[in-house]
Amino acid sequence: SQQNCDIREALKLLGQFQHQQGDNARADAELVLKSQAQRHAQRMDISRILQKSTQQQPQQ
């Protein structure tokens, strides 16, 4: 019947929407993780620079 076809079409659209939302959420999470990893790497670089600079200072 037409009503069953309409329901099937609505469920199909809902499934596509949920799939797209899941893809978007995964992409967002990936960007957040990459950003966190980059910030961590930068902090480690700064830490190494500071450590080297303190080691190179003449001891009094």
PDB file of N, CA and C in Angstrom:
ATOM      1  N   SER A   1       0.842  -1.191   0.000  1.00  0.00           N
ATOM      2  CA  SER A   1       0.000   0.000   0.000  1.00  0.00           C
ATOM      3  C   SER A   1       0.884   1.251   0.000  1.00  0.00           C
ATOM      4  N   GLN A   2       0.266   2.359  -0.311  1.00  0.00           N
ATOM      5  CA  GLN A   2       1.000   3.630  -0.374  1.00  0.00           C
ATOM      6  C   GLN A   2       1.559   4.013   0.998  1.00  0.00           C
ATOM      7  N   GLN A   3       0.772   3.735   2.047  1.00  0.00           N
ATOM      8  CA  GLN A   3       1.227   4.082   3.398  1.00  0.00           C
ATOM      9  C   GLN A   3       2.491   3.298   3.759  1.00  0.00           C
ATOM     10  N   ASN A   4       2.527   2.007   3.413  1.00  0.00           N
ATOM     11  CA  ASN A   4       3.714   1.194   3.689  1.00  0.00           C
ATOM     12  C   ASN A   4       4.921   1.709   2.910  1.00  0.00           C
ATOM     13  N   CYS A   5       4.692   2.103   1.660  1.00  0.00           N
ATOM     14  CA  CYS A   5       5.785   2.658   0.848  1.00  0.00           C
ATOM     15  C   CYS A   5       6.309   3.949   1.473  1.00  0.00           C
ATOM     16  N   ASP A   6       5.384   4.788   1.948  1.00  0.00           N
ATOM     17  CA  ASP A   6       5.785   6.048   2.581  1.00  0.00           C
ATOM     18  C   ASP A   6       6.600   5.785   3.847  1.00  0.00           C
ATOM     19  N   ILE A   7       6.151   4.797   4.631  1.00  0.00           N
ATOM     20  CA  ILE A   7       6.861   4.461   5.868  1.00  0.00           C
ATOM     21  C   ILE A   7       8.253   3.932   5.543  1.00  0.00           C
ATOM     22  N   ARG A   8       8.345   3.048   4.534  1.00  0.00           N
ATOM     23  CA  ARG A   8       9.646   2.507   4.136  1.00  0.00           C
ATOM     24  C   ARG A   8      10.579   3.623   3.669  1.00  0.00           C
ATOM     25  N   GLU A   9      10.041   4.547   2.898  1.00  0.00           N
ATOM     26  CA  GLU A   9      10.849   5.664   2.396  1.00  0.00           C
ATOM     27  C   GLU A   9      11.325   6.549   3.555  1.00  0.00           C
ATOM     28  N   ALA A  10      10.436   6.795   4.511  1.00  0.00           N
ATOM     29  CA  ALA A  10      10.802   7.615   5.669  1.00  0.00           C
ATOM     30  C   ALA A  10      11.893   6.923   6.485  1.00  0.00           C
ATOM     31  N   LEU A  11      11.762   5.608   6.684  1.00  0.00           N
ATOM     32  CA  LEU A  11      12.777   4.862   7.436  1.00  0.00           C
ATOM     33  C   LEU A  11      14.110   4.853   6.693  1.00  0.00           C
ATOM     34  N   LYS A  12      14.041   4.748   5.375  1.00  0.00           N
ATOM     35  CA  LYS A  12      15.261   4.770   4.567  1.00  0.00           C
ATOM     36  C   LYS A  12      15.971   6.122   4.719  1.00  0.00           C
ATOM     37  N   LEU A  13      15.196   7.202   4.642  1.00  0.00           N
ATOM     38  CA  LEU A  13      15.774   8.538   4.800  1.00  0.00           C
ATOM     39  C   LEU A  13      16.351   8.726   6.203  1.00  0.00           C
ATOM     40  N   LEU A  14      15.645   8.220   7.202  1.00  0.00           N
ATOM     41  CA  LEU A  14      16.126   8.314   8.579  1.00  0.00           C
ATOM     42  C   LEU A  14      17.445   7.556   8.737  1.00  0.00           C
ATOM     43  N   GLY A  15      17.521   6.380   8.153  1.00  0.00           N
ATOM     44  CA  GLY A  15      18.754   5.596   8.208  1.00  0.00           C
ATOM     45  C   GLY A  15      19.908   6.312   7.540  1.00  0.00           C
ATOM     46  N   GLN A  16      19.646   6.923   6.382  1.00  0.00           N
ATOM     47  CA  GLN A  16      20.696   7.673   5.687  1.00  0.00           C
ATOM     48  C   GLN A  16      21.168   8.858   6.529  1.00  0.00           C
ATOM     49  N   PHE A  17      20.203   9.538   7.149  1.00  0.00           N
ATOM     50  CA  PHE A  17      20.534  10.686   7.995  1.00  0.00           C
ATOM     51  C   PHE A  17      21.399  10.248   9.174  1.00  0.00           C
ATOM     52  N   GLN A  18      21.010   9.165   9.840  1.00  0.00           N
ATOM     53  CA  GLN A  18      21.775   8.678  10.992  1.00  0.00           C
ATOM     54  C   GLN A  18      23.180   8.243  10.575  1.00  0.00           C
ATOM     55  N   HIS A  19      23.290   7.613   9.415  1.00  0.00           N
ATOM     56  CA  HIS A  19      24.598   7.194   8.900  1.00  0.00           C
ATOM     57  C   HIS A  19      25.486   8.419   8.662  1.00  0.00           C
ATOM     58  N   GLN A  20      24.898   9.455   8.048  1.00  0.00           N
ATOM     59  CA  GLN A  20      25.651  10.688   7.777  1.00  0.00           C
ATOM     60  C   GLN A  20      26.081  11.351   9.080  1.00  0.00           C
ATOM     61  N   GLN A  21      25.190  11.365  10.071  1.00  0.00           N
ATOM     62  CA  GLN A  21      25.530  11.957  11.365  1.00  0.00           C
ATOM     63  C   GLN A  21      26.691  11.199  12.009  1.00  0.00           C
ATOM     64  N   GLY A  22      26.665   9.876  11.885  1.00  0.00           N
ATOM     65  CA  GLY A  22      27.757   9.062  12.427  1.00  0.00           C
ATOM     66  C   GLY A  22      29.075   9.373  11.739  1.00  0.00           C
ATOM     67  N   ASP A  23      29.026   9.501  10.409  1.00  0.00           N
ATOM     68  CA  ASP A  23      30.240   9.855   9.656  1.00  0.00           C
ATOM     69  C   ASP A  23      30.768  11.218  10.105  1.00  0.00           C
ATOM     70  N   ASN A  24      29.850  12.173  10.272  1.00  0.00           N
ATOM     71  CA  ASN A  24      30.255  13.515  10.701  1.00  0.00           C
ATOM     72  C   ASN A  24      30.872  13.482  12.094  1.00  0.00           C
ATOM     73  N   ALA A  25      30.272  12.712  12.985  1.00  0.00           N
ATOM     74  CA  ALA A  25      30.792  12.621  14.355  1.00  0.00           C
ATOM     75  C   ALA A  25      32.188  12.001  14.357  1.00  0.00           C
ATOM     76  N   ARG A  26      32.393  10.973  13.531  1.00  0.00           N
ATOM     77  CA  ARG A  26      33.720  10.348  13.450  1.00  0.00           C
ATOM     78  C   ARG A  26      34.748  11.340  12.910  1.00  0.00           C
ATOM     79  N   ALA A  27      34.364  12.095  11.883  1.00  0.00           N
ATOM     80  CA  ALA A  27      35.285  13.081  11.306  1.00  0.00           C
ATOM     81  C   ALA A  27      35.629  14.159  12.337  1.00  0.00           C
ATOM     82  N   ASP A  28      34.626  14.610  13.091  1.00  0.00           N
ATOM     83  CA  ASP A  28      34.875  15.615  14.129  1.00  0.00           C
ATOM     84  C   ASP A  28      35.828  15.074  15.192  1.00  0.00           C
ATOM     85  N   ALA A  29      35.591  13.842  15.620  1.00  0.00           N
ATOM     86  CA  ALA A  29      36.449  13.237  16.645  1.00  0.00           C
ATOM     87  C   ALA A  29      37.879  13.102  16.138  1.00  0.00           C
ATOM     88  N   GLU A  30      38.022  12.744  14.874  1.00  0.00           N
ATOM     89  CA  GLU A  30      39.361  12.604  14.290  1.00  0.00           C
ATOM     90  C   GLU A  30      40.097  13.946  14.289  1.00  0.00           C
ATOM     91  N   LEU A  31      39.378  15.018  13.946  1.00  0.00           N
ATOM     92  CA  LEU A  31      39.999  16.345  13.947  1.00  0.00           C
ATOM     93  C   LEU A  31      40.420  16.757  15.354  1.00  0.00           C
ATOM     94  N   VAL A  32      39.574  16.468  16.339  1.00  0.00           N
ATOM     95  CA  VAL A  32      39.910  16.803  17.730  1.00  0.00           C
ATOM     96  C   VAL A  32      41.160  16.042  18.164  1.00  0.00           C
ATOM     97  N   LEU A  33      41.216  14.749  17.850  1.00  0.00           N
ATOM     98  CA  LEU A  33      42.376  13.945  18.248  1.00  0.00           C
ATOM     99  C   LEU A  33      43.652  14.429  17.569  1.00  0.00           C
ATOM    100  N   LYS A  34      43.556  14.781  16.283  1.00  0.00           N
ATOM    101  CA  LYS A  34      44.733  15.299  15.576  1.00  0.00           C
ATOM    102  C   LYS A  34      45.206  16.605  16.208  1.00  0.00           C
ATOM    103  N   SER A  35      44.258  17.460  16.554  1.00  0.00           N
ATOM    104  CA  SER A  35      44.587  18.741  17.176  1.00  0.00           C
ATOM    105  C   SER A  35      45.266  18.525  18.525  1.00  0.00           C
ATOM    106  N   GLN A  36      44.736  17.597  19.324  1.00  0.00           N
ATOM    107  CA  GLN A  36      45.340  17.299  20.626  1.00  0.00           C
ATOM    108  C   GLN A  36      46.749  16.733  20.451  1.00  0.00           C
ATOM    109  N   ALA A  37      46.928  15.862  19.486  1.00  0.00           N
ATOM    110  CA  ALA A  37      48.250  15.272  19.247  1.00  0.00           C
ATOM    111  C   ALA A  37      49.242  16.354  18.823  1.00  0.00           C
ATOM    112  N   GLN A  38      48.778  17.280  17.991  1.00  0.00           N
ATOM    113  CA  GLN A  38      49.653  18.361  17.535  1.00  0.00           C
ATOM    114  C   GLN A  38      50.059  19.260  18.709  1.00  0.00           C
ATOM    115  N   ARG A  39      49.079  19.609  19.565  1.00  0.00           N
ATOM    116  CA  ARG A  39      49.395  20.443  20.733  1.00  0.00           C
ATOM    117  C   ARG A  39      50.367  19.725  21.665  1.00  0.00           C
ATOM    118  N   HIS A  40      50.170  18.430  21.839  1.00  0.00           N
ATOM    119  CA  HIS A  40      51.074  17.657  22.696  1.00  0.00           C
ATOM    120  C   HIS A  40      52.495  17.679  22.117  1.00  0.00           C
ATOM    121  N   ALA A  41      52.608  17.485  20.812  1.00  0.00           N
ATOM    122  CA  ALA A  41      53.926  17.499  20.166  1.00  0.00           C
ATOM    123  C   ALA A  41      54.588  18.865  20.343  1.00  0.00           C
ATOM    124  N   GLN A  42      53.800  19.932  20.219  1.00  0.00           N
ATOM    125  CA  GLN A  42      54.362  21.274  20.397  1.00  0.00           C
ATOM    126  C   GLN A  42      54.841  21.480  21.829  1.00  0.00           C
ATOM    127  N   ARG A  43      54.054  20.997  22.800  1.00  0.00           N
ATOM    128  CA  ARG A  43      54.467  21.128  24.205  1.00  0.00           C
ATOM    129  C   ARG A  43      55.753  20.344  24.465  1.00  0.00           C
ATOM    130  N   MET A  44      55.860  19.167  23.862  1.00  0.00           N
ATOM    131  CA  MET A  44      57.076  18.373  24.042  1.00  0.00           C
ATOM    132  C   MET A  44      58.270  19.080  23.411  1.00  0.00           C
ATOM    133  N   ASP A  45      58.064  19.707  22.249  1.00  0.00           N
ATOM    134  CA  ASP A  45      59.145  20.469  21.612  1.00  0.00           C
ATOM    135  C   ASP A  45      59.609  21.595  22.531  1.00  0.00           C
ATOM    136  N   ILE A  46      58.655  22.325  23.094  1.00  0.00           N
ATOM    137  CA  ILE A  46      58.992  23.429  23.999  1.00  0.00           C
ATOM    138  C   ILE A  46      59.727  22.896  25.220  1.00  0.00           C
ATOM    139  N   SER A  47      59.257  21.787  25.744  1.00  0.00           N
ATOM    140  CA  SER A  47      59.899  21.175  26.913  1.00  0.00           C
ATOM    141  C   SER A  47      61.350  20.806  26.606  1.00  0.00           C
ATOM    142  N   ARG A  48      61.581  20.222  25.431  1.00  0.00           N
ATOM    143  CA  ARG A  48      62.952  19.854  25.046  1.00  0.00           C
ATOM    144  C   ARG A  48      63.830  21.095  24.900  1.00  0.00           C
ATOM    145  N   ILE A  49      63.281  22.144  24.300  1.00  0.00           N
ATOM    146  CA  ILE A  49      64.046  23.388  24.126  1.00  0.00           C
ATOM    147  C   ILE A  49      64.416  23.970  25.485  1.00  0.00           C
ATOM    148  N   LEU A  50      63.449  24.003  26.393  1.00  0.00           N
ATOM    149  CA  LEU A  50      63.728  24.534  27.732  1.00  0.00           C
ATOM    150  C   LEU A  50      64.759  23.681  28.457  1.00  0.00           C
ATOM    151  N   GLN A  51      64.636  22.376  28.313  1.00  0.00           N
ATOM    152  CA  GLN A  51      65.577  21.472  28.973  1.00  0.00           C
ATOM    153  C   GLN A  51      66.992  21.692  28.437  1.00  0.00           C
ATOM    154  N   LYS A  52      67.115  21.810  27.114  1.00  0.00           N
ATOM    155  CA  LYS A  52      68.435  22.050  26.515  1.00  0.00           C
ATOM    156  C   LYS A  52      69.005  23.381  26.980  1.00  0.00           C
ATOM    157  N   SER A  53      68.154  24.407  27.039  1.00  0.00           N
ATOM    158  CA  SER A  53      68.652  25.735  27.419  1.00  0.00           C
ATOM    159  C   SER A  53      69.121  25.744  28.866  1.00  0.00           C
ATOM    160  N   THR A  54      68.451  24.995  29.738  1.00  0.00           N
ATOM    161  CA  THR A  54      68.909  24.957  31.137  1.00  0.00           C
ATOM    162  C   THR A  54      70.179  24.130  31.266  1.00  0.00           C
ATOM    163  N   GLN A  55      70.342  23.121  30.427  1.00  0.00           N
ATOM    164  CA  GLN A  55      71.554  22.300  30.483  1.00  0.00           C
ATOM    165  C   GLN A  55      72.762  23.050  29.936  1.00  0.00           C
ATOM    166  N   GLN A  56      72.521  23.980  29.017  1.00  0.00           N
ATOM    167  CA  GLN A  56      73.627  24.699  28.383  1.00  0.00           C
ATOM    168  C   GLN A  56      74.083  25.911  29.187  1.00  0.00           C
ATOM    169  N   GLN A  57      73.302  26.319  30.178  1.00  0.00           N
ATOM    170  CA  GLN A  57      73.705  27.468  30.987  1.00  0.00           C
ATOM    171  C   GLN A  57      74.891  27.079  31.868  1.00  0.00           C
ATOM    172  N   PRO A  58      75.865  27.974  31.968  1.00  0.00           N
ATOM    173  CA  PRO A  58      77.017  27.654  32.828  1.00  0.00           C
ATOM    174  C   PRO A  58      76.583  27.554  34.285  1.00  0.00           C
ATOM    175  N   GLN A  59      77.110  26.570  34.953  1.00  0.00           N
ATOM    176  CA  GLN A  59      76.781  26.383  36.369  1.00  0.00           C
ATOM    177  C   GLN A  59      77.597  27.358  37.207  1.00  0.00           C
ATOM    178  N   GLN A  60      76.981  27.943  38.204  1.00  0.00           N
ATOM    179  CA  GLN A  60      77.684  28.924  39.039  1.00  0.00           C
ATOM    180  C   GLN A  60      78.085  28.312  40.352  1.00  0.00           C
TER     181      GLN A  60
END
